[in-house]
């Protein structure tokens, strides 16, 4: 695999996230950097294919957005709905099936097999790397993950997930169970 390419500026990501900055509130910087890290990993898996870059950036901006827009622990479907509605509303022309699939399957435990596998699998692997804080590497070298994490600091993103599980679920344990049942796919 080639050296990981870190883009410090992604205008499309910034434009899309700006629409939801108020909804995300104090969690904005943590989520923004989570998006940048996952986009970086996904684009690495896709060998920096610029043709799919807008779809990757869009899918990963929206992949967890339902946590804030719908205040839901089972946030995959709400996240998909917001992404698909904005795709139509703003006339982006992104393939709705691929956009939906990248969001829907990003917490799948085992590799995704099916239509649009290359893109969906890149998003899935990228999110697993970041949600595990690099303990799951999916073939990316530890040093590369450290570079990405240094470029885009965590800003408490993983703590945010625990806090939201508690806030929306009533306790961290109950929220954790609801999250697991609501978003993990086999």
Protein backbone atom coordinates (compact mmCIF):
# COMPACT_ATOMS: atom_id res chain seq x y z
CA UNK A 1 0.00 0.00 0.00
CA UNK A 2 1.16 3.54 -0.70
CA UNK A 3 2.05 6.06 1.99
CA UNK A 4 -1.00 7.53 3.68
CA UNK A 5 -1.96 10.93 2.30
CA UNK A 6 -3.20 13.42 4.87
CA UNK A 7 -5.24 16.34 3.53
CA UNK A 8 -5.52 19.00 6.19
CA UNK A 9 -8.23 20.85 4.27
CA UNK A 10 -11.31 19.30 2.75
CA UNK A 11 -13.65 22.06 1.56
CA UNK A 12 -16.57 19.70 0.92
CA UNK A 13 -16.32 18.22 4.42
CA UNK A 14 -16.26 21.73 5.91
CA UNK A 15 -19.27 22.84 3.83
CA UNK A 16 -21.34 19.80 4.75
CA UNK A 17 -20.45 19.86 8.44
CA UNK A 18 -21.20 23.59 8.69
CA UNK A 19 -24.90 22.82 8.07
CA UNK A 20 -24.96 20.74 11.27
CA UNK A 21 -22.58 22.67 13.53
CA UNK A 22 -25.42 23.98 15.71
CA UNK A 23 -26.98 20.51 16.07
CA UNK A 24 -23.61 18.93 16.94
CA UNK A 25 -22.80 21.77 19.32
CA UNK A 26 -19.92 21.22 21.75
CA UNK A 27 -19.11 17.89 20.08
CA UNK A 28 -18.35 19.55 16.75
CA UNK A 29 -14.52 19.52 16.79
CA UNK A 30 -14.38 15.91 17.97
CA UNK A 31 -16.81 14.78 15.29
CA UNK A 32 -15.12 16.90 12.61
CA UNK A 33 -11.77 15.27 13.32
CA UNK A 34 -13.37 11.80 13.43
CA UNK A 35 -14.71 12.51 9.94
CA UNK A 36 -11.30 13.68 8.72
CA UNK A 37 -9.59 10.59 10.12
CA UNK A 38 -12.11 8.19 8.60
CA UNK A 39 -12.02 9.95 5.22
CA UNK A 40 -8.22 9.74 5.28
CA UNK A 41 -8.27 5.99 5.98
CA UNK A 42 -11.04 5.28 3.46
CA UNK A 43 -9.28 7.22 0.71
CA UNK A 44 -6.09 5.31 1.49
CA UNK A 45 -7.92 2.02 0.98
CA UNK A 46 -9.30 3.41 -2.29
CA UNK A 47 -5.81 4.44 -3.44
CA UNK A 48 -6.85 8.11 -3.45
CA UNK A 49 -9.41 7.60 -6.23
CA UNK A 50 -10.61 11.17 -6.79
CA UNK A 51 -13.74 9.95 -8.60
CA UNK A 52 -15.19 8.54 -5.37
CA UNK A 53 -13.77 11.20 -3.04
CA UNK A 54 -16.93 13.39 -2.95
CA UNK A 55 -19.07 10.36 -2.11
CA UNK A 56 -16.62 9.20 0.59
CA UNK A 57 -16.47 12.65 2.14
CA UNK A 58 -20.25 13.00 2.09
CA UNK A 59 -20.95 9.51 3.45
CA UNK A 60 -18.49 9.97 6.30
CA UNK A 61 -19.79 13.43 7.21
CA UNK A 62 -23.25 11.90 7.57
CA UNK A 63 -22.38 8.43 8.90
CA UNK A 64 -23.01 9.31 12.59
CA UNK A 65 -25.00 12.53 12.18
CA UNK A 66 -28.23 10.96 13.50
CA UNK A 67 -26.68 10.96 16.97
CA UNK A 68 -27.21 14.72 16.99
CA UNK A 69 -29.99 15.38 14.46
CA UNK A 70 -32.33 12.74 15.86
CA UNK A 71 -30.78 12.14 19.30
CA UNK A 72 -30.91 8.42 18.56
CA UNK A 73 -28.59 5.62 19.68
CA UNK A 74 -29.87 3.52 16.78
CA UNK A 75 -28.64 6.25 14.46
CA UNK A 76 -27.87 4.47 11.19
CA UNK A 77 -31.28 4.90 9.58
CA UNK A 78 -31.67 8.51 10.78
CA UNK A 79 -28.18 9.27 9.43
CA UNK A 80 -29.06 7.65 6.10
CA UNK A 81 -32.30 9.62 5.91
CA UNK A 82 -30.57 12.96 6.50
CA UNK A 83 -27.86 12.17 3.91
CA UNK A 84 -30.35 11.02 1.28
CA UNK A 85 -32.63 14.02 1.87
CA UNK A 86 -29.71 16.46 1.53
CA UNK A 87 -28.44 14.65 -1.57
CA UNK A 88 -31.82 15.22 -3.17
CA UNK A 89 -32.46 18.70 -1.73
CA UNK A 90 -29.11 20.12 -2.84
CA UNK A 91 -28.90 18.16 -6.10
CA UNK A 92 -25.51 16.61 -5.46
CA UNK A 93 -26.25 13.71 -7.79
CA UNK A 94 -24.47 11.15 -5.62
CA UNK A 95 -25.52 7.53 -6.11
CA UNK A 96 -28.13 7.16 -3.35
CA UNK A 97 -27.60 3.40 -3.08
CA UNK A 98 -23.87 3.76 -2.47
CA UNK A 99 -24.36 6.69 -0.08
CA UNK A 100 -26.93 4.75 1.92
CA UNK A 101 -24.82 1.57 1.90
CA UNK A 102 -21.67 3.31 3.12
CA UNK A 103 -23.61 4.66 6.10
CA UNK A 104 -25.72 1.57 6.75
CA UNK A 105 -22.85 -0.94 6.79
CA UNK A 106 -20.10 1.09 8.48
CA UNK A 107 -20.44 -0.84 11.77
CA UNK A 108 -20.56 -4.28 10.14
CA UNK A 109 -18.28 -6.63 12.04
CA UNK A 110 -17.39 -8.92 9.14
CA UNK A 111 -16.38 -7.69 5.67
CA UNK A 112 -19.19 -6.38 3.52
CA UNK A 113 -19.86 -8.40 0.39
CA UNK A 114 -22.26 -7.08 -2.19
CA UNK A 115 -22.97 -4.16 -4.49
CA UNK A 116 -20.50 -1.26 -4.24
CA UNK A 117 -18.26 -3.40 -2.06
CA UNK A 118 -15.09 -1.42 -2.75
CA UNK A 119 -16.49 1.89 -1.42
CA UNK A 120 -18.62 0.45 1.38
CA UNK A 121 -15.80 -1.75 2.63
CA UNK A 122 -13.35 1.20 2.62
CA UNK A 123 -15.75 3.20 4.82
CA UNK A 124 -16.36 0.23 7.11
CA UNK A 125 -12.67 -0.45 7.65
CA UNK A 126 -11.91 3.25 8.13
CA UNK A 127 -14.51 3.63 10.88
CA UNK A 128 -13.34 0.48 12.70
CA UNK A 129 -9.79 1.86 12.74
CA UNK A 130 -10.91 5.12 14.26
CA UNK A 131 -13.52 3.82 16.68
CA UNK A 132 -10.92 1.39 18.05
CA UNK A 133 -8.36 4.21 18.32
CA UNK A 134 -6.07 2.26 16.01
CA UNK A 135 -6.08 -1.03 17.90
CA UNK A 136 -7.83 -2.49 14.83
CA UNK A 137 -5.62 -1.44 11.91
CA UNK A 138 -7.03 -3.22 8.84
CA UNK A 139 -3.58 -3.32 7.26
CA UNK A 140 -2.58 0.28 7.91
CA UNK A 141 0.72 0.65 9.73
CA UNK A 142 0.65 1.84 13.32
CA UNK A 143 2.93 4.77 12.39
CA UNK A 144 0.48 5.95 9.72
CA UNK A 145 -2.39 5.85 12.21
CA UNK A 146 -0.32 7.91 14.65
CA UNK A 147 0.33 10.46 11.87
CA UNK A 148 -3.39 10.74 11.13
CA UNK A 149 -4.27 11.03 14.82
CA UNK A 150 -1.63 13.76 15.28
CA UNK A 151 -3.03 15.71 12.32
CA UNK A 152 -6.62 15.39 13.59
CA UNK A 153 -6.66 15.20 17.41
CA UNK A 154 -9.46 13.32 19.12
CA UNK A 155 -10.90 16.28 21.08
CA UNK A 156 -12.80 13.84 23.30
CA UNK A 157 -14.72 12.15 20.48
CA UNK A 158 -14.71 8.72 22.13
CA UNK A 159 -15.79 10.24 25.46
CA UNK A 160 -18.63 11.95 23.57
CA UNK A 161 -19.88 8.55 22.41
CA UNK A 162 -19.94 7.30 26.01
CA UNK A 163 -21.68 10.47 27.20
CA UNK A 164 -24.35 10.23 24.49
CA UNK A 165 -24.93 6.56 25.33
CA UNK A 166 -25.59 7.60 28.92
CA UNK A 167 -27.66 10.67 28.04
CA UNK A 168 -29.87 8.94 25.47
CA UNK A 169 -29.96 5.52 27.12
CA UNK A 170 -30.37 6.55 30.76
CA UNK A 171 -27.07 4.94 31.75
CA UNK A 172 -23.84 4.03 30.02
CA UNK A 173 -24.70 0.32 30.30
CA UNK A 174 -28.24 0.60 28.93
CA UNK A 175 -27.10 3.08 26.29
CA UNK A 176 -24.25 0.79 25.29
CA UNK A 177 -26.66 -2.10 24.84
CA UNK A 178 -29.02 0.09 22.78
CA UNK A 179 -26.15 1.29 20.61
CA UNK A 180 -24.87 -2.23 20.04
CA UNK A 181 -28.34 -3.56 19.17
CA UNK A 182 -29.10 -0.55 17.01
CA UNK A 183 -25.98 -0.16 14.91
CA UNK A 184 -23.82 -3.28 14.87
CA UNK A 185 -24.33 -5.47 11.82
CA UNK A 186 -22.94 -8.96 11.32
